Amino acid sequence: MNEPAPAKSVKNYLWPWAIFALLGANMVIVAITVYASQVSRSPVESDYYRKALHWDDSARQQSLNTSLGWKLVPSLKKSDSGADLSLSLLDGKGEPIRTCKVSIEAFPFADPNHKLQTTIDAAAAEPLTAALAIDRPGLWRLSFVVDAGGARFTQQQDIELSEFGNIEVFLPNTPGGRP
């Protein structure tokens, strides 16, 4: 009645190793993902948590922008240093606003860490112009903050720059306004 024990097949020894191999592959994939997220220049909104906490302030500012009725129209002209930016800033009655301070931030969507910042501090007779070192074609976001007469106006504008110097401006809040 002493029967010999059945011989263990190779299958009995492989399945535990398959589990460890799958866990190891998962760890490698996670490590690659973490590394890629740290070295990538992918478009990530900077300081998004703070912006989310202050969403009410953004909504209030948008309401104020609407009530002011101001219009800010940027135009870019290719230059040796990148692009010359000129602004047309009109109040709610259509009159130009000349005495103001305009803060501008520009970045390409392809590399949001490549931010260009400038300020226009305009007196009554000066045109609203600035030089931006836009050095690459593609879709760019321009953010404007205008302080004039105790009021603050903000606007974001997306522009498409071609390799040939052509500029297409996408107006916010209009059908077909963004690509």
C-alpha atoms as a PDB file:
ATOM      1  CA  MET A   1       0.000   0.000   0.000  1.00  0.00           C
ATOM      2  CA  ASN A   2       2.915   2.234  -0.093  1.00  0.00           C
ATOM      3  CA  GLU A   3       2.490   3.897  -3.385  1.00  0.00           C
ATOM      4  CA  PRO A   4       5.210   6.202  -4.606  1.00  0.00           C
ATOM      5  CA  ALA A   5       4.389   9.908  -4.542  1.00  0.00           C
ATOM      6  CA  PRO A   6       3.452  11.299  -7.940  1.00  0.00           C
ATOM      7  CA  ALA A   7       6.246  13.203  -9.624  1.00  0.00           C
ATOM      8  CA  LYS A   8       5.712  16.949  -9.550  1.00  0.00           C
ATOM      9  CA  SER A   9       5.482  18.458 -12.986  1.00  0.00           C
ATOM     10  CA  VAL A  10       7.186  21.638 -14.146  1.00  0.00           C
ATOM     11  CA  LYS A  11       3.783  23.399 -14.190  1.00  0.00           C
ATOM     12  CA  ASN A  12       3.579  23.134 -10.425  1.00  0.00           C
ATOM     13  CA  TYR A  13       6.779  25.170 -10.040  1.00  0.00           C
ATOM     14  CA  LEU A  14       6.152  27.806 -12.739  1.00  0.00           C
ATOM     15  CA  TRP A  15       2.939  29.488 -11.579  1.00  0.00           C
ATOM     16  CA  PRO A  16       4.456  31.128  -8.444  1.00  0.00           C
ATOM     17  CA  TRP A  17       7.255  32.547 -10.609  1.00  0.00           C
ATOM     18  CA  ALA A  18       4.707  33.893 -13.087  1.00  0.00           C
ATOM     19  CA  ILE A  19       3.105  35.909 -10.275  1.00  0.00           C
ATOM     20  CA  PHE A  20       6.474  37.382  -9.281  1.00  0.00           C
ATOM     21  CA  ALA A  21       7.272  38.146 -12.927  1.00  0.00           C
ATOM     22  CA  LEU A  22       3.981  40.043 -13.351  1.00  0.00           C
ATOM     23  CA  LEU A  23       4.577  42.008 -10.143  1.00  0.00           C
ATOM     24  CA  GLY A  24       8.107  42.828 -11.288  1.00  0.00           C
ATOM     25  CA  ALA A  25       6.852  43.969 -14.712  1.00  0.00           C
ATOM     26  CA  ASN A  26       4.312  46.213 -12.976  1.00  0.00           C
ATOM     27  CA  MET A  27       7.078  47.770 -10.839  1.00  0.00           C
ATOM     28  CA  VAL A  28       9.179  48.440 -13.963  1.00  0.00           C
ATOM     29  CA  ILE A  29       6.228  50.105 -15.726  1.00  0.00           C
ATOM     30  CA  VAL A  30       5.527  52.318 -12.681  1.00  0.00           C
ATOM     31  CA  ALA A  31       9.216  53.307 -12.456  1.00  0.00           C
ATOM     32  CA  ILE A  32       9.261  54.255 -16.152  1.00  0.00           C
ATOM     33  CA  THR A  33       6.055  56.301 -15.738  1.00  0.00           C
ATOM     34  CA  VAL A  34       7.412  58.173 -12.711  1.00  0.00           C
ATOM     35  CA  TYR A  35      10.676  58.900 -14.514  1.00  0.00           C
ATOM     36  CA  ALA A  36       8.869  60.113 -17.646  1.00  0.00           C
ATOM     37  CA  SER A  37       6.629  62.406 -15.594  1.00  0.00           C
ATOM     38  CA  GLN A  38       9.646  64.030 -13.962  1.00  0.00           C
ATOM     39  CA  VAL A  39      11.661  64.721 -17.128  1.00  0.00           C
ATOM     40  CA  SER A  40       8.770  65.429 -19.499  1.00  0.00           C
ATOM     41  CA  ARG A  41       7.974  68.928 -20.723  1.00  0.00           C
ATOM     42  CA  SER A  42       4.333  68.047 -21.181  1.00  0.00           C
ATOM     43  CA  PRO A  43       1.742  70.797 -20.780  1.00  0.00           C
ATOM     44  CA  VAL A  44       0.775  70.896 -17.124  1.00  0.00           C
ATOM     45  CA  GLU A  45      -1.005  73.854 -15.594  1.00  0.00           C
ATOM     46  CA  SER A  46       1.357  75.476 -13.130  1.00  0.00           C
ATOM     47  CA  ASP A  47       0.108  75.754  -9.558  1.00  0.00           C
ATOM     48  CA  TYR A  48      -3.275  74.294 -10.471  1.00  0.00           C
ATOM     49  CA  TYR A  49      -4.188  73.579  -6.849  1.00  0.00           C
ATOM     50  CA  ARG A  50      -3.875  77.249  -5.864  1.00  0.00           C
ATOM     51  CA  LYS A  51      -5.875  78.234  -8.947  1.00  0.00           C
ATOM     52  CA  ALA A  52      -8.590  75.743  -8.040  1.00  0.00           C
ATOM     53  CA  LEU A  53      -8.803  77.170  -4.528  1.00  0.00           C
ATOM     54  CA  HIS A  54      -9.234  80.664  -5.998  1.00  0.00           C
ATOM     55  CA  TRP A  55     -11.777  79.711  -8.653  1.00  0.00           C
ATOM     56  CA  ASP A  56     -14.310  82.137  -7.139  1.00  0.00           C
ATOM     57  CA  ASP A  57     -11.827  84.975  -7.611  1.00  0.00           C
ATOM     58  CA  SER A  58     -11.433  84.005 -11.276  1.00  0.00           C
ATOM     59  CA  ALA A  59     -15.208  83.958 -11.754  1.00  0.00           C
ATOM     60  CA  ARG A  60     -15.487  87.385 -10.079  1.00  0.00           C
ATOM     61  CA  GLN A  61     -12.719  88.748 -12.329  1.00  0.00           C
ATOM     62  CA  GLN A  62     -14.474  87.361 -15.416  1.00  0.00           C
ATOM     63  CA  SER A  63     -17.679  89.086 -14.320  1.00  0.00           C
ATOM     64  CA  LEU A  64     -15.765  92.337 -13.782  1.00  0.00           C
ATOM     65  CA  ASN A  65     -14.168  92.007 -17.238  1.00  0.00           C
ATOM     66  CA  THR A  66     -17.621  91.688 -18.775  1.00  0.00           C
ATOM     67  CA  SER A  67     -19.011  94.661 -16.847  1.00  0.00           C
ATOM     68  CA  LEU A  68     -16.054  96.875 -17.830  1.00  0.00           C
ATOM     69  CA  GLY A  69     -16.683  96.115 -21.498  1.00  0.00           C
ATOM     70  CA  TRP A  70     -13.029  96.696 -22.386  1.00  0.00           C
ATOM     71  CA  LYS A  71     -11.566  95.196 -25.546  1.00  0.00           C
ATOM     72  CA  LEU A  72      -7.946  94.206 -25.879  1.00  0.00           C
ATOM     73  CA  VAL A  73      -6.824  93.220 -29.372  1.00  0.00           C
ATOM     74  CA  PRO A  74      -3.221  92.078 -29.753  1.00  0.00           C
ATOM     75  CA  SER A  75      -1.345  92.102 -33.033  1.00  0.00           C
ATOM     76  CA  LEU A  76       2.046  90.579 -33.636  1.00  0.00           C
ATOM     77  CA  LYS A  77       4.540  91.491 -36.302  1.00  0.00           C
ATOM     78  CA  LYS A  78       7.583  89.354 -36.990  1.00  0.00           C
ATOM     79  CA  SER A  79      10.869  91.057 -36.137  1.00  0.00           C
ATOM     80  CA  ASP A  80      14.541  90.160 -35.843  1.00  0.00           C
ATOM     81  CA  SER A  81      14.239  89.597 -32.094  1.00  0.00           C
ATOM     82  CA  GLY A  82      11.093  87.453 -32.371  1.00  0.00           C
ATOM     83  CA  ALA A  83       7.878  89.441 -32.535  1.00  0.00           C
ATOM     84  CA  ASP A  84       6.726  92.984 -31.867  1.00  0.00           C
ATOM     85  CA  LEU A  85       3.480  93.010 -29.941  1.00  0.00           C
ATOM     86  CA  SER A  86       1.165  95.996 -30.194  1.00  0.00           C
ATOM     87  CA  LEU A  87      -2.084  96.261 -28.306  1.00  0.00           C
ATOM     88  CA  SER A  88      -5.285  98.082 -29.011  1.00  0.00           C
ATOM     89  CA  LEU A  89      -7.065  98.673 -25.708  1.00  0.00           C
ATOM     90  CA  LEU A  90     -10.549 100.218 -25.798  1.00  0.00           C
ATOM     91  CA  ASP A  91     -12.898 101.015 -22.949  1.00  0.00           C
ATOM     92  CA  GLY A  92     -16.624 100.235 -22.909  1.00  0.00           C
ATOM     93  CA  LYS A  93     -17.391 103.382 -24.982  1.00  0.00           C
ATOM     94  CA  GLY A  94     -14.845 102.485 -27.663  1.00  0.00           C
ATOM     95  CA  GLU A  95     -12.320 105.103 -26.523  1.00  0.00           C
ATOM     96  CA  PRO A  96      -8.644 104.100 -26.365  1.00  0.00           C
ATOM     97  CA  ILE A  97      -7.122 103.563 -22.927  1.00  0.00           C
ATOM     98  CA  ARG A  98      -3.589 104.962 -22.991  1.00  0.00           C
ATOM     99  CA  THR A  99      -2.535 105.385 -19.365  1.00  0.00           C
ATOM    100  CA  CYS A 100      -2.212 101.883 -18.001  1.00  0.00           C
ATOM    101  CA  LYS A 101       0.108  99.084 -16.972  1.00  0.00           C
ATOM    102  CA  VAL A 102      -0.132  95.843 -18.932  1.00  0.00           C
ATOM    103  CA  SER A 103       1.551  92.652 -17.691  1.00  0.00           C
ATOM    104  CA  ILE A 104       1.992  90.011 -20.379  1.00  0.00           C
ATOM    105  CA  GLU A 105       2.904  86.349 -20.087  1.00  0.00           C
ATOM    106  CA  ALA A 106       3.363  84.204 -23.186  1.00  0.00           C
ATOM    107  CA  PHE A 107       4.168  80.516 -23.548  1.00  0.00           C
ATOM    108  CA  PRO A 108       3.980  77.915 -26.306  1.00  0.00           C
ATOM    109  CA  PHE A 109       1.570  75.044 -25.717  1.00  0.00           C
ATOM    110  CA  ALA A 110       4.347  72.646 -26.740  1.00  0.00           C
ATOM    111  CA  ASP A 111       6.556  73.769 -23.834  1.00  0.00           C
ATOM    112  CA  PRO A 112       4.643  75.589 -21.082  1.00  0.00           C
ATOM    113  CA  ASN A 113       7.828  75.915 -19.015  1.00  0.00           C
ATOM    114  CA  HIS A 114       9.204  78.328 -21.648  1.00  0.00           C
ATOM    115  CA  LYS A 115       7.478  81.457 -20.328  1.00  0.00           C
ATOM    116  CA  LEU A 116       8.111  84.945 -21.640  1.00  0.00           C
ATOM    117  CA  GLN A 117       7.078  87.861 -19.458  1.00  0.00           C
ATOM    118  CA  THR A 118       7.060  91.572 -20.089  1.00  0.00           C
ATOM    119  CA  THR A 119       5.321  94.700 -18.847  1.00  0.00           C
ATOM    120  CA  ILE A 120       4.115  97.779 -20.698  1.00  0.00           C
ATOM    121  CA  ASP A 121       3.958 100.875 -18.513  1.00  0.00           C
ATOM    122  CA  ALA A 122       2.270 103.343 -20.845  1.00  0.00           C
ATOM    123  CA  ALA A 123       1.789 107.075 -20.423  1.00  0.00           C
ATOM    124  CA  ALA A 124      -0.931 108.979 -22.283  1.00  0.00           C
ATOM    125  CA  ALA A 125       0.936 109.550 -25.555  1.00  0.00           C
ATOM    126  CA  GLU A 126       2.770 106.223 -25.823  1.00  0.00           C
ATOM    127  CA  PRO A 127       1.514 103.375 -27.984  1.00  0.00           C
ATOM    128  CA  LEU A 128       1.059 100.031 -26.243  1.00  0.00           C
ATOM    129  CA  THR A 129       3.939  98.018 -27.706  1.00  0.00           C
ATOM    130  CA  ALA A 130       6.416  95.419 -26.465  1.00  0.00           C
ATOM    131  CA  ALA A 131       9.005  93.070 -27.945  1.00  0.00           C
ATOM    132  CA  LEU A 132       8.588  89.355 -27.258  1.00  0.00           C
ATOM    133  CA  ALA A 133      11.356  86.856 -27.970  1.00  0.00           C
ATOM    134  CA  ILE A 134       9.008  84.374 -29.626  1.00  0.00           C
ATOM    135  CA  ASP A 135      11.480  81.925 -31.099  1.00  0.00           C
ATOM    136  CA  ARG A 136       9.392  79.056 -32.386  1.00  0.00           C
ATOM    137  CA  PRO A 137       6.261  78.456 -34.441  1.00  0.00           C
ATOM    138  CA  GLY A 138       3.153  76.841 -33.016  1.00  0.00           C
ATOM    139  CA  LEU A 139       0.233  77.605 -30.755  1.00  0.00           C
ATOM    140  CA  TRP A 140       0.990  80.227 -28.080  1.00  0.00           C
ATOM    141  CA  ARG A 141      -1.069  81.495 -25.143  1.00  0.00           C
ATOM    142  CA  LEU A 142      -0.863  85.178 -24.266  1.00  0.00           C
ATOM    143  CA  SER A 143      -2.194  86.253 -20.859  1.00  0.00           C
ATOM    144  CA  PHE A 144      -2.801  89.942 -20.196  1.00  0.00           C
ATOM    145  CA  VAL A 145      -3.434  91.792 -16.935  1.00  0.00           C
ATOM    146  CA  VAL A 146      -4.331  95.475 -17.432  1.00  0.00           C
ATOM    147  CA  ASP A 147      -4.365  97.928 -14.532  1.00  0.00           C
ATOM    148  CA  ALA A 148      -5.848 101.310 -15.464  1.00  0.00           C
ATOM    149  CA  GLY A 149      -7.749 103.896 -13.478  1.00  0.00           C
ATOM    150  CA  GLY A 150      -8.081 101.643 -10.431  1.00  0.00           C
ATOM    151  CA  ALA A 151      -9.657  98.828 -12.468  1.00  0.00           C
ATOM    152  CA  ARG A 152      -8.143  95.474 -13.365  1.00  0.00           C
ATOM    153  CA  PHE A 153      -8.926  93.693 -16.636  1.00  0.00           C
ATOM    154  CA  THR A 154      -7.649  90.239 -17.630  1.00  0.00           C
ATOM    155  CA  GLN A 155      -7.701  88.336 -20.900  1.00  0.00           C
ATOM    156  CA  GLN A 156      -6.169  85.232 -22.398  1.00  0.00           C
ATOM    157  CA  GLN A 157      -5.554  84.927 -26.112  1.00  0.00           C
ATOM    158  CA  ASP A 158      -4.344  81.981 -28.175  1.00  0.00           C
ATOM    159  CA  ILE A 159      -2.316  82.680 -31.301  1.00  0.00           C
ATOM    160  CA  GLU A 160      -0.945  80.384 -33.974  1.00  0.00           C
ATOM    161  CA  LEU A 161       2.422  81.300 -35.449  1.00  0.00           C
ATOM    162  CA  SER A 162       3.497  79.583 -38.645  1.00  0.00           C
ATOM    163  CA  GLU A 163       7.083  78.951 -39.690  1.00  0.00           C
ATOM    164  CA  PHE A 164       6.633  81.563 -42.398  1.00  0.00           C
ATOM    165  CA  GLY A 165       5.750  84.398 -40.024  1.00  0.00           C
ATOM    166  CA  ASN A 166       2.000  84.244 -40.586  1.00  0.00           C
ATOM    167  CA  ILE A 167      -0.001  84.885 -37.446  1.00  0.00           C
ATOM    168  CA  GLU A 168      -3.532  83.725 -36.765  1.00  0.00           C
ATOM    169  CA  VAL A 169      -5.333  85.012 -33.674  1.00  0.00           C
ATOM    170  CA  PHE A 170      -8.026  82.889 -32.037  1.00  0.00           C
ATOM    171  CA  LEU A 171     -10.604  84.994 -30.250  1.00  0.00           C
ATOM    172  CA  PRO A 172     -11.807  83.626 -26.913  1.00  0.00           C
ATOM    173  CA  ASN A 173     -15.452  82.733 -26.352  1.00  0.00           C
ATOM    174  CA  THR A 174     -16.374  82.629 -30.028  1.00  0.00           C
ATOM    175  CA  PRO A 175     -17.501  79.598 -32.040  1.00  0.00           C
ATOM    176  CA  GLY A 176     -14.454  78.189 -33.758  1.00  0.00           C
ATOM    177  CA  GLY A 177     -12.296  80.535 -31.676  1.00  0.00           C
ATOM    178  CA  ARG A 178      -9.796  77.829 -30.726  1.00  0.00           C
ATOM    179  CA  PRO A 179      -8.301  75.016 -32.746  1.00  0.00           C
END
